[in-house]
Amino acid sequence: MIATESVTQRTTVKPRKAVLEMPEYHPPLAGRTALRLDFNENTFAPSPRVIERLRRVTSEELTKYPERDSVERIAAEHFGLQPDQVLLTNGVDEAIHLLCCAFLEAEDEALICTPTFFMYDVSVRMMTPHLVKVQTDETLEFPFERFLAAITERTKLIMVASPNNPTGAIVSREQLLAIAAAAPQAVLMVDEAYYHFDGGTTIGDVDAVPNLIVARTFSKAYGLANLRIGMLAGNAELLKYVRKVSSPYNVNGVALDCLPVALADEEYLAWYVEQVHAGRKRMMDGLRELGVPFFPSHANFVLMRIGAKHGELVKAMRAHGVLLRDRSADPGCDGFVRITIGVEEHVTAGLAAIKTCLQEIGWSANG
């Protein structure tokens, strides 16, 4: 009989060096049974038409591979684009990954401004170690001049979120177009995941700006986070390369069936966005009355500075049935906590819990 080593003693195959060195993203999703004011989702529901469409899904539909092209044509028409200017993706997470795969060589540089969405870091570092980060100052505003100065001839991919997560800050259209013009050798991806809560966009510039790609998600205002569907819009030549590295079946058929219905219900979308606009003002006014410093937001969340008791507040809020997101690990955000803005009743519950919990933990505006 031949002796064999135990499984634990075997030498395992190692992945690429980039995989060993890249950061990991582990969102704290476990046990989210309370009021979800932690992940910037729609806190209420998608359009009732989406729910009705889901009820009509047949067993035969579930057995077929999804077909993306027809829905991309519908999305393109909705956003005033040509079909070859649109690529539907498995959420914006996949969109970011595909851009990195399509455009980054190991020696290239990618450029971001921190703090921002952590998946930029993860996807870039899969392809290249040369991720350049421009840190905001204490105002958390976008550092336009320093960002421009960080562009080099090696810069191949630039990713800017507007409104930005976790700050809620915006970058003006003029600044974004200036960035694209300053780096003609690079792809500029403008992440407009929170577009609906501000209204500023560069999607109308994709014809005139050859290196511009805009990312949109249907997870936030549309309430389709669980279906995982996002979109890239941009120069058709650029998207041809992104489409090449994408799976032809990357978006599931249920999501593809529901997206046209969600896009068509503009009345429902407008209602939810107005709920967020009103709730955001209420939340910021309420925090101001409580003496809690916060960053003025253009998104469906507010970032507030709690200081040393940030962890205590998150724990106390959970005990009161409300989930917040601790952002203290983000660069420049030590002591900051983020709260999602949703419909009126959720804002009311969130504000009431904050007031109660700040008293419970003995928080003071004076420290």
Protein backbone atom coordinates (compact mmCIF):
# COMPACT_ATOMS: atom_id res chain seq x y z
CA MET A 1 0.00 0.00 0.00
CA ILE A 2 1.32 3.44 -0.93
CA ALA A 3 1.41 5.90 1.93
CA THR A 4 -0.37 9.18 1.25
CA GLU A 5 -0.07 12.53 2.94
CA SER A 6 -3.04 14.03 4.69
CA VAL A 7 -4.85 16.82 2.87
CA THR A 8 -3.59 19.39 5.36
CA GLN A 9 0.05 18.42 4.69
CA ARG A 10 -0.09 18.77 0.91
CA THR A 11 1.49 21.72 -0.80
CA THR A 12 -1.35 23.66 -2.41
CA VAL A 13 -1.22 25.55 -5.69
CA LYS A 14 -0.68 29.26 -5.14
CA PRO A 15 -2.64 31.94 -7.01
CA ARG A 16 -1.10 34.85 -8.86
CA LYS A 17 0.91 37.25 -6.74
CA ALA A 18 -1.69 39.95 -7.38
CA VAL A 19 -4.41 37.78 -5.85
CA LEU A 20 -2.30 37.14 -2.75
CA GLU A 21 -1.68 40.87 -2.32
CA MET A 22 -5.08 42.32 -3.24
CA PRO A 23 -7.39 43.46 -0.43
CA GLU A 24 -10.56 41.55 0.43
CA TYR A 25 -14.00 43.04 0.83
CA HIS A 26 -16.19 41.44 3.48
CA PRO A 27 -19.37 43.50 3.87
CA PRO A 28 -21.01 42.98 7.27
CA LEU A 29 -24.21 41.51 5.87
CA ALA A 30 -24.92 38.78 8.45
CA GLY A 31 -28.02 39.15 10.59
CA ARG A 32 -29.57 42.12 8.77
CA THR A 33 -33.06 41.62 10.15
CA ALA A 34 -33.50 45.14 11.55
CA LEU A 35 -34.31 48.39 9.72
CA ARG A 36 -31.69 48.46 6.92
CA LEU A 37 -30.11 51.90 7.06
CA ASP A 38 -26.59 50.56 6.50
CA PHE A 39 -26.04 49.65 2.82
CA ASN A 40 -27.71 52.48 0.86
CA GLU A 41 -30.35 50.18 -0.60
CA ASN A 42 -33.87 51.24 -1.39
CA THR A 43 -35.38 50.83 2.09
CA PHE A 44 -38.93 50.20 0.88
CA ALA A 45 -39.60 48.27 -2.35
CA PRO A 46 -39.17 48.33 -6.12
CA SER A 47 -41.98 49.41 -8.38
CA PRO A 48 -45.19 47.40 -7.84
CA ARG A 49 -44.97 46.56 -11.55
CA VAL A 50 -41.71 44.74 -10.86
CA ILE A 51 -43.38 42.65 -8.17
CA GLU A 52 -46.17 41.78 -10.58
CA ARG A 53 -43.65 40.78 -13.25
CA LEU A 54 -41.84 38.53 -10.77
CA ARG A 55 -45.10 36.74 -9.98
CA ARG A 56 -45.47 35.87 -13.67
CA VAL A 57 -42.05 34.21 -14.05
CA THR A 58 -42.64 30.72 -15.47
CA SER A 59 -40.71 27.51 -14.94
CA GLU A 60 -39.81 27.49 -18.64
CA GLU A 61 -38.28 30.96 -18.37
CA LEU A 62 -36.02 29.73 -15.58
CA THR A 63 -34.65 26.91 -17.76
CA LYS A 64 -33.39 29.21 -20.54
CA TYR A 65 -30.11 31.10 -20.81
CA PRO A 66 -30.71 34.85 -20.48
CA GLU A 67 -30.68 37.08 -23.56
CA ARG A 68 -29.22 40.52 -22.89
CA ASP A 69 -29.34 42.25 -26.28
CA SER A 70 -33.04 43.10 -26.44
CA VAL A 71 -33.01 44.61 -22.96
CA GLU A 72 -29.88 46.62 -23.79
CA ARG A 73 -31.79 48.13 -26.70
CA ILE A 74 -34.62 49.11 -24.35
CA ALA A 75 -32.17 50.62 -21.84
CA ALA A 76 -30.34 52.46 -24.61
CA GLU A 77 -33.56 54.03 -25.88
CA HIS A 78 -34.57 54.98 -22.33
CA PHE A 79 -31.29 56.83 -21.76
CA GLY A 80 -31.09 58.38 -25.24
CA LEU A 81 -28.21 56.18 -26.41
CA GLN A 82 -27.46 53.69 -29.18
CA PRO A 83 -27.54 49.95 -28.33
CA ASP A 84 -23.78 49.59 -28.89
CA GLN A 85 -23.23 52.32 -26.30
CA VAL A 86 -24.80 50.21 -23.51
CA LEU A 87 -23.59 47.10 -21.71
CA LEU A 88 -25.68 45.57 -18.93
CA THR A 89 -23.66 44.03 -16.10
CA ASN A 90 -24.07 41.97 -12.96
CA GLY A 91 -24.25 45.09 -10.81
CA VAL A 92 -21.69 47.90 -10.96
CA ASP A 93 -19.28 45.60 -9.10
CA GLU A 94 -18.93 43.51 -12.25
CA ALA A 95 -18.76 46.64 -14.41
CA ILE A 96 -15.70 47.81 -12.46
CA HIS A 97 -14.11 44.37 -12.72
CA LEU A 98 -14.66 44.23 -16.48
CA LEU A 99 -13.12 47.66 -17.03
CA CYS A 100 -10.02 46.62 -15.12
CA CYS A 101 -9.77 43.39 -17.11
CA ALA A 102 -10.21 45.18 -20.43
CA PHE A 103 -7.85 48.12 -19.97
CA LEU A 104 -5.21 47.50 -17.29
CA GLU A 105 -1.83 45.91 -17.95
CA ALA A 106 0.39 44.98 -15.01
CA GLU A 107 2.58 48.07 -15.52
CA ASP A 108 -0.31 50.53 -15.89
CA GLU A 109 -1.54 52.96 -13.25
CA ALA A 110 -5.12 53.40 -12.11
CA LEU A 111 -6.22 56.55 -10.30
CA ILE A 112 -8.90 57.03 -7.64
CA CYS A 113 -9.72 59.55 -4.90
CA THR A 114 -10.16 58.22 -1.36
CA PRO A 115 -12.29 57.64 0.58
CA THR A 116 -14.46 55.99 -2.03
CA PHE A 117 -16.09 52.69 -3.02
CA PHE A 118 -13.76 49.91 -1.88
CA MET A 119 -14.39 47.65 -4.89
CA TYR A 120 -12.27 49.98 -7.04
CA ASP A 121 -9.28 48.96 -4.93
CA VAL A 122 -10.13 45.25 -5.11
CA SER A 123 -10.64 45.12 -8.88
CA VAL A 124 -7.64 47.27 -9.78
CA ARG A 125 -5.25 45.33 -7.58
CA MET A 126 -6.32 42.13 -9.35
CA MET A 127 -4.66 43.49 -12.49
CA THR A 128 -1.91 45.88 -11.38
CA PRO A 129 -0.17 46.92 -8.15
CA HIS A 130 0.00 50.50 -9.38
CA LEU A 131 -3.10 52.00 -7.81
CA VAL A 132 -2.63 55.72 -7.16
CA LYS A 133 -4.85 57.17 -4.43
CA VAL A 134 -5.41 60.89 -3.92
CA GLN A 135 -6.67 61.47 -0.40
CA THR A 136 -9.19 64.20 0.37
CA ASP A 137 -8.42 66.70 3.11
CA GLU A 138 -10.52 67.04 6.26
CA THR A 139 -13.36 68.68 4.28
CA LEU A 140 -13.86 65.41 2.35
CA GLU A 141 -14.47 67.48 -0.82
CA PHE A 142 -13.07 66.22 -4.12
CA PRO A 143 -9.48 67.57 -4.46
CA PHE A 144 -9.71 68.52 -8.14
CA GLU A 145 -6.34 70.22 -8.62
CA ARG A 146 -4.38 67.54 -6.75
CA PHE A 147 -6.26 64.84 -8.64
CA LEU A 148 -5.37 66.38 -12.00
CA ALA A 149 -1.73 66.62 -10.92
CA ALA A 150 -1.69 62.88 -10.16
CA ILE A 151 -2.38 61.93 -13.80
CA THR A 152 0.72 60.59 -15.56
CA GLU A 153 1.48 59.04 -18.94
CA ARG A 154 1.11 55.64 -17.24
CA THR A 155 -2.45 56.39 -16.08
CA LYS A 156 -4.74 54.02 -17.99
CA LEU A 157 -7.92 53.91 -15.88
CA ILE A 158 -9.47 56.65 -13.73
CA MET A 159 -12.51 56.00 -11.56
CA VAL A 160 -14.49 58.80 -9.95
CA ALA A 161 -17.77 58.37 -8.07
CA SER A 162 -20.21 61.30 -8.14
CA PRO A 163 -22.00 61.39 -5.76
CA ASN A 164 -19.25 59.65 -3.88
CA ASN A 165 -19.65 56.82 -1.38
CA PRO A 166 -19.21 57.17 1.61
CA THR A 167 -19.05 60.99 1.64
CA GLY A 168 -21.96 62.03 -0.58
CA ALA A 169 -19.72 64.62 -2.26
CA ILE A 170 -20.11 65.46 -5.95
CA VAL A 171 -17.69 66.27 -8.73
CA SER A 172 -18.96 68.82 -11.25
CA ARG A 173 -19.49 67.89 -14.88
CA GLU A 174 -16.94 70.52 -15.88
CA GLN A 175 -14.33 68.97 -13.60
CA LEU A 176 -15.04 65.47 -14.90
CA LEU A 177 -14.71 66.57 -18.51
CA ALA A 178 -11.45 68.34 -17.63
CA ILE A 179 -10.13 65.08 -16.15
CA ALA A 180 -11.07 63.18 -19.31
CA ALA A 181 -9.34 65.81 -21.46
CA ALA A 182 -6.20 65.71 -19.30
CA ALA A 183 -5.86 61.93 -19.74
CA PRO A 184 -6.72 61.03 -23.37
CA GLN A 185 -4.70 57.81 -22.98
CA ALA A 186 -6.91 56.64 -20.08
CA VAL A 187 -10.50 55.51 -19.64
CA LEU A 188 -12.46 57.71 -17.26
CA MET A 189 -15.26 55.83 -15.53
CA VAL A 190 -17.74 58.10 -13.79
CA ASP A 191 -19.66 56.04 -11.25
CA GLU A 192 -23.16 57.51 -11.08
CA ALA A 193 -24.66 54.88 -8.78
CA TYR A 194 -26.31 57.65 -6.74
CA TYR A 195 -27.21 59.85 -9.72
CA HIS A 196 -30.93 59.96 -8.99
CA PHE A 197 -30.44 61.68 -5.65
CA ASP A 198 -28.45 64.58 -7.15
CA GLY A 199 -29.24 64.80 -10.86
CA GLY A 200 -25.80 65.73 -12.20
CA THR A 201 -24.65 63.43 -14.99
CA THR A 202 -22.15 63.04 -17.83
CA ILE A 203 -24.15 60.40 -19.69
CA GLY A 204 -25.00 62.96 -22.36
CA ASP A 205 -21.29 63.46 -23.06
CA VAL A 206 -20.39 59.92 -24.12
CA ASP A 207 -20.69 60.78 -27.83
CA ALA A 208 -18.35 63.76 -27.59
CA VAL A 209 -15.81 62.35 -25.11
CA PRO A 210 -14.18 59.21 -26.56
CA ASN A 211 -12.56 58.02 -23.30
CA LEU A 212 -15.66 58.45 -21.08
CA ILE A 213 -17.68 55.57 -19.64
CA VAL A 214 -20.55 56.11 -17.20
CA ALA A 215 -21.65 53.44 -14.71
CA ARG A 216 -25.22 53.26 -13.42
CA THR A 217 -26.85 50.86 -10.99
CA PHE A 218 -30.43 49.73 -10.56
CA SER A 219 -29.79 48.70 -6.95
CA LYS A 220 -30.44 52.06 -5.30
CA ALA A 221 -33.38 54.17 -6.46
CA TYR A 222 -34.92 51.32 -8.48
CA GLY A 223 -34.73 48.87 -5.56
CA LEU A 224 -33.31 45.90 -7.53
CA ALA A 225 -30.21 45.23 -5.41
CA ASN A 226 -31.01 41.52 -5.01
CA LEU A 227 -31.36 41.03 -8.77
CA ARG A 228 -27.81 42.37 -9.39
CA ILE A 229 -28.06 44.54 -12.49
CA GLY A 230 -26.03 47.56 -13.51
CA MET A 231 -25.06 49.34 -16.71
CA LEU A 232 -22.09 50.83 -18.50
CA ALA A 233 -22.74 53.58 -21.03
CA GLY A 234 -20.01 54.97 -23.22
CA ASN A 235 -18.11 55.15 -26.46
CA ALA A 236 -19.08 52.14 -28.58
CA GLU A 237 -15.45 51.36 -29.45
CA LEU A 238 -14.49 51.19 -25.78
CA LEU A 239 -17.50 49.10 -24.86
CA LYS A 240 -16.65 46.65 -27.63
CA TYR A 241 -13.55 45.67 -25.64
CA VAL A 242 -15.46 45.48 -22.35
CA ARG A 243 -18.12 43.31 -23.98
CA LYS A 244 -15.34 41.01 -25.20
CA VAL A 245 -14.22 40.20 -21.63
CA SER A 246 -17.80 39.86 -20.34
CA SER A 247 -19.70 36.60 -20.13
CA PRO A 248 -22.63 36.57 -22.58
CA TYR A 249 -24.85 35.39 -19.72
CA ASN A 250 -23.60 37.73 -16.99
CA VAL A 251 -27.03 39.17 -16.11
CA ASN A 252 -29.70 36.71 -14.99
CA GLY A 253 -32.93 36.44 -16.91
CA VAL A 254 -35.18 37.50 -14.04
CA ALA A 255 -33.27 40.77 -13.73
CA LEU A 256 -33.45 41.29 -17.50
CA ASP A 257 -37.23 40.71 -17.45
CA CYS A 258 -37.73 43.16 -14.60
CA LEU A 259 -35.51 46.01 -15.80
CA PRO A 260 -37.77 47.28 -18.63
CA VAL A 261 -40.71 47.30 -16.23
CA ALA A 262 -38.73 49.26 -13.64
CA LEU A 263 -37.51 51.76 -16.25
CA ALA A 264 -41.05 52.31 -17.53
CA ASP A 265 -42.50 53.17 -14.12
CA GLU A 266 -41.10 56.69 -13.98
CA GLU A 267 -43.87 57.85 -11.63
CA TYR A 268 -42.80 55.37 -8.96
CA LEU A 269 -39.14 56.28 -9.37
CA ALA A 270 -39.94 59.98 -9.00
CA TRP A 271 -41.93 59.26 -5.84
CA TYR A 272 -39.10 57.33 -4.21
CA VAL A 273 -36.48 59.92 -5.14
CA GLU A 274 -38.66 62.66 -3.65
CA GLN A 275 -38.98 60.61 -0.45
CA VAL A 276 -35.19 60.50 -0.25
CA HIS A 277 -34.77 64.22 -0.97
CA ALA A 278 -37.23 65.14 1.78
CA GLY A 279 -35.80 62.54 4.17
CA ARG A 280 -32.23 63.66 3.59
CA LYS A 281 -33.12 67.22 4.53
CA ARG A 282 -34.97 65.99 7.63
CA MET A 283 -32.02 63.85 8.66
CA MET A 284 -29.47 66.64 8.22
CA ASP A 285 -31.73 69.11 10.06
CA GLY A 286 -32.21 66.57 12.85
CA LEU A 287 -28.48 65.89 13.21
CA ARG A 288 -27.83 69.62 13.28
CA GLU A 289 -30.30 70.01 16.14
CA LEU A 290 -28.57 67.19 18.02
CA GLY A 291 -25.19 68.82 17.50
CA VAL A 292 -23.90 65.90 15.43
CA PRO A 293 -21.39 67.01 12.75
CA PHE A 294 -22.15 65.61 9.31
CA PHE A 295 -21.02 65.96 5.72
CA PRO A 296 -23.64 67.62 3.43
CA SER A 297 -24.82 64.81 1.17
CA HIS A 298 -26.00 64.61 -2.45
CA ALA A 299 -26.80 60.88 -2.16
CA ASN A 300 -29.28 58.67 -0.30
CA PHE A 301 -27.19 58.61 2.87
CA VAL A 302 -25.56 60.96 5.36
CA LEU A 303 -22.08 60.54 6.81
CA MET A 304 -21.89 61.78 10.41
CA ARG A 305 -18.93 62.22 12.72
CA ILE A 306 -19.45 60.53 16.08
CA GLY A 307 -15.81 60.29 17.15
CA ALA A 308 -14.51 57.75 19.66
CA LYS A 309 -17.99 56.38 20.41
CA HIS A 310 -18.74 55.39 16.81
CA GLY A 311 -18.69 51.66 17.56
CA GLU A 312 -20.89 52.11 20.62
CA LEU A 313 -23.45 53.99 18.57
CA VAL A 314 -23.63 51.30 15.87
CA LYS A 315 -24.06 48.61 18.53
CA ALA A 316 -26.73 50.57 20.41
CA MET A 317 -28.66 51.30 17.21
CA ARG A 318 -28.71 47.61 16.32
CA ALA A 319 -30.12 46.87 19.77
CA HIS A 320 -32.88 49.37 18.97
CA GLY A 321 -33.62 47.68 15.64
CA VAL A 322 -31.77 50.06 13.29
CA LEU A 323 -28.65 49.19 11.29
CA LEU A 324 -25.96 51.80 10.57
CA ARG A 325 -22.63 51.41 8.76
CA ASP A 326 -19.42 52.20 10.62
CA ARG A 327 -17.07 53.87 8.12
CA SER A 328 -14.15 54.45 10.49
CA ALA A 329 -11.89 52.11 8.52
CA ASP A 330 -12.13 54.33 5.43
CA PRO A 331 -9.13 56.63 4.95
CA GLY A 332 -9.85 60.00 6.53
CA CYS A 333 -13.10 58.81 8.12
CA ASP A 334 -12.05 57.78 11.62
CA GLY A 335 -15.08 58.16 13.90
CA PHE A 336 -17.58 58.46 11.03
CA VAL A 337 -20.85 56.52 10.76
CA ARG A 338 -23.17 56.44 7.73
CA ILE A 339 -26.97 56.26 7.71
CA THR A 340 -29.10 55.43 4.67
CA ILE A 341 -32.04 57.68 3.80
CA GLY A 342 -35.23 55.98 2.68
CA VAL A 343 -38.95 56.57 2.96
CA GLU A 344 -40.48 58.92 5.52
CA GLU A 345 -41.27 56.35 8.22
CA HIS A 346 -37.74 54.94 8.07
CA VAL A 347 -36.18 58.38 8.43
CA THR A 348 -38.43 59.03 11.41
CA ALA A 349 -37.41 55.74 13.03
CA GLY A 350 -33.73 56.36 12.30
CA LEU A 351 -33.73 59.85 13.79
CA ALA A 352 -35.59 58.75 16.90
CA ALA A 353 -33.15 55.87 17.46
CA ILE A 354 -30.13 58.15 17.00
CA LYS A 355 -31.45 60.57 19.62
CA THR A 356 -32.12 57.74 22.10
CA CYS A 357 -28.84 55.95 21.48
CA LEU A 358 -26.67 59.07 21.72
CA GLN A 359 -28.13 59.61 25.19
CA GLU A 360 -27.60 55.96 26.12
CA ILE A 361 -23.92 55.96 25.17
CA GLY A 362 -23.29 59.33 26.81
CA TRP A 363 -22.27 61.07 23.58
CA SER A 364 -21.66 64.79 23.68
CA ALA A 365 -20.98 67.27 20.89
CA ASN A 366 -18.12 68.52 23.03
CA GLY A 367 -16.55 65.07 23.20
